[in-house]
C-alpha atoms as a PDB file:
ATOM      1  CA  MET A   1       0.069  -2.880  18.886  1.00  0.00           C
ATOM      2  CA  ALA A   2       2.169  -3.366  15.552  1.00  0.00           C
ATOM      3  CA  LYS A   3       0.458  -2.940  12.210  1.00  0.00           C
ATOM      4  CA  LYS A   4       0.045  -6.352  10.499  1.00  0.00           C
ATOM      5  CA  THR A   5       2.199  -6.477   7.307  1.00  0.00           C
ATOM      6  CA  THR A   6       0.205  -6.704   4.068  1.00  0.00           C
ATOM      7  CA  PHE A   7       1.276  -8.101   0.745  1.00  0.00           C
ATOM      8  CA  GLU A   8       1.191  -4.590  -0.733  1.00  0.00           C
ATOM      9  CA  ASP A   9       3.332  -3.156   2.136  1.00  0.00           C
ATOM     10  CA  ALA A  10       5.890  -5.921   1.751  1.00  0.00           C
ATOM     11  CA  LEU A  11       5.976  -5.568  -2.017  1.00  0.00           C
ATOM     12  CA  ALA A  12       6.493  -1.749  -1.646  1.00  0.00           C
ATOM     13  CA  LYS A  13       9.308  -2.399   0.872  1.00  0.00           C
ATOM     14  CA  LEU A  14      10.904  -4.879  -1.586  1.00  0.00           C
ATOM     15  CA  GLU A  15      10.733  -2.243  -4.450  1.00  0.00           C
ATOM     16  CA  GLU A  16      12.352   0.292  -2.108  1.00  0.00           C
ATOM     17  CA  ILE A  17      15.090  -2.147  -1.092  1.00  0.00           C
ATOM     18  CA  ALA A  18      15.833  -3.010  -4.871  1.00  0.00           C
ATOM     19  CA  VAL A  19      16.284   0.737  -5.594  1.00  0.00           C
ATOM     20  CA  GLU A  20      18.525   1.295  -2.696  1.00  0.00           C
ATOM     21  CA  LEU A  21      20.674  -1.724  -3.662  1.00  0.00           C
ATOM     22  CA  GLU A  22      20.814  -0.693  -7.300  1.00  0.00           C
ATOM     23  CA  ASP A  23      21.921   2.853  -6.429  1.00  0.00           C
ATOM     24  CA  GLY A  24      25.060   1.278  -4.944  1.00  0.00           C
ATOM     25  CA  ASP A  25      25.513   4.015  -2.370  1.00  0.00           C
ATOM     26  CA  LEU A  26      25.418   1.640   0.604  1.00  0.00           C
ATOM     27  CA  SER A  27      28.262   0.253   2.464  1.00  0.00           C
ATOM     28  CA  LEU A  28      28.891  -3.497   2.131  1.00  0.00           C
ATOM     29  CA  ASP A  29      27.395  -4.056   5.682  1.00  0.00           C
ATOM     30  CA  ALA A  30      24.381  -1.878   4.959  1.00  0.00           C
ATOM     31  CA  ALA A  31      23.848  -3.646   1.513  1.00  0.00           C
ATOM     32  CA  LEU A  32      24.100  -7.057   3.093  1.00  0.00           C
ATOM     33  CA  LYS A  33      21.427  -6.107   5.680  1.00  0.00           C
ATOM     34  CA  LYS A  34      19.154  -4.610   2.865  1.00  0.00           C
ATOM     35  CA  PHE A  35      19.578  -7.787   0.891  1.00  0.00           C
ATOM     36  CA  ASP A  36      18.696  -9.908   3.772  1.00  0.00           C
ATOM     37  CA  GLU A  37      15.605  -7.762   4.530  1.00  0.00           C
ATOM     38  CA  GLY A  38      14.724  -8.076   0.717  1.00  0.00           C
ATOM     39  CA  VAL A  39      14.977 -11.924   0.934  1.00  0.00           C
ATOM     40  CA  LYS A  40      12.506 -11.837   3.820  1.00  0.00           C
ATOM     41  CA  MET A  41      10.084  -9.550   1.995  1.00  0.00           C
ATOM     42  CA  ALA A  42      10.222 -11.687  -1.171  1.00  0.00           C
ATOM     43  CA  ALA A  43       9.601 -14.825   0.879  1.00  0.00           C
ATOM     44  CA  PHE A  44       6.627 -13.140   2.649  1.00  0.00           C
ATOM     45  CA  CYS A  45       5.152 -12.035  -0.775  1.00  0.00           C
ATOM     46  CA  ASN A  46       5.635 -15.483  -2.220  1.00  0.00           C
ATOM     47  CA  GLU A  47       3.934 -17.051   0.815  1.00  0.00           C
ATOM     48  CA  LYS A  48       0.861 -14.711   0.368  1.00  0.00           C
ATOM     49  CA  LEU A  49       0.679 -15.291  -3.231  1.00  0.00           C
ATOM     50  CA  GLU A  50       0.752 -19.098  -2.576  1.00  0.00           C
ATOM     51  CA  GLU A  51      -2.185 -18.594  -0.092  1.00  0.00           C
ATOM     52  CA  ALA A  52      -4.106 -16.646  -2.500  1.00  0.00           C
ATOM     53  CA  GLN A  53      -3.566 -19.221  -5.105  1.00  0.00           C
ATOM     54  CA  GLN A  54      -4.877 -21.947  -2.795  1.00  0.00           C
ATOM     55  CA  LYS A  55      -7.941 -19.851  -2.046  1.00  0.00           C
ATOM     56  CA  VAL A  56      -8.685 -19.289  -5.791  1.00  0.00           C
ATOM     57  CA  ASP A  57      -8.313 -23.051  -6.376  1.00  0.00           C
ATOM     58  CA  LEU A  58     -10.765 -23.881  -3.632  1.00  0.00           C
ATOM     59  CA  LEU A  59     -13.281 -21.507  -5.011  1.00  0.00           C
ATOM     60  CA  MET A  60     -13.180 -22.561  -8.605  1.00  0.00           C
ATOM     61  CA  LYS A  61     -15.989 -24.978  -9.177  1.00  0.00           C
ATOM     62  CA  LYS A  62     -16.662 -27.037 -12.220  1.00  0.00           C
ATOM     63  CA  GLY A  63     -19.673 -29.233 -12.737  1.00  0.00           C
ATOM     64  CA  GLY A  64     -20.593 -28.914  -9.070  1.00  0.00           C
ATOM     65  CA  THR A  65     -17.067 -30.355  -7.880  1.00  0.00           C
ATOM     66  CA  LEU A  66     -14.126 -28.448  -6.841  1.00  0.00           C
ATOM     67  CA  SER A  67     -11.402 -28.352  -9.432  1.00  0.00           C
ATOM     68  CA  ALA A  68      -8.345 -26.242  -9.958  1.00  0.00           C
ATOM     69  CA  VAL A  69      -8.500 -23.978 -12.988  1.00  0.00           C
ATOM     70  CA  PRO A  70      -4.968 -22.716 -14.064  1.00  0.00           C
ATOM     71  CA  PHE A  71      -4.621 -19.045 -14.839  1.00  0.00           C
ATOM     72  CA  LYS A  72      -3.989 -18.227 -18.387  1.00  0.00           C
ATOM     73  CA  PRO A  73      -0.637 -16.416 -18.895  1.00  0.00           C
ATOM     74  CA  ARG A  74      -1.053 -12.743 -19.735  1.00  0.00           C
ATOM     75  CA  ASN A  75       0.028 -11.761 -23.126  1.00  0.00           C
ATOM     76  CA  ASP A  76       1.031  -8.123 -22.890  1.00  0.00           C
ATOM     77  CA  GLU A  77       0.999  -7.458 -26.588  1.00  0.00           C
ATOM     78  CA  SER A  78      -2.596  -8.714 -27.142  1.00  0.00           C
ATOM     79  CA  ASP A  79      -3.773  -6.693 -23.951  1.00  0.00           C
ATOM     80  CA  LEU A  80      -2.771  -3.496 -25.668  1.00  0.00           C
ATOM     81  CA  GLU A  81      -4.850  -3.996 -28.775  1.00  0.00           C
END
């Protein structure tokens, strides 16, 4: 039985593919195959993130009714203070 791919597995694979493509040591055919695999991993990760966002939206309650609460953008500089 095959292991179910997780978001973390797909993200790690996507990072690995990016490094391989950046190195430039692949033949054109191999690079195209890696690129295609990377596109699939990116789509999978995006789908999982969208599912997570939908779950968060459903779980956020305000005044006894369901309402979506947008995430605040992260400010990296203020986080370091």
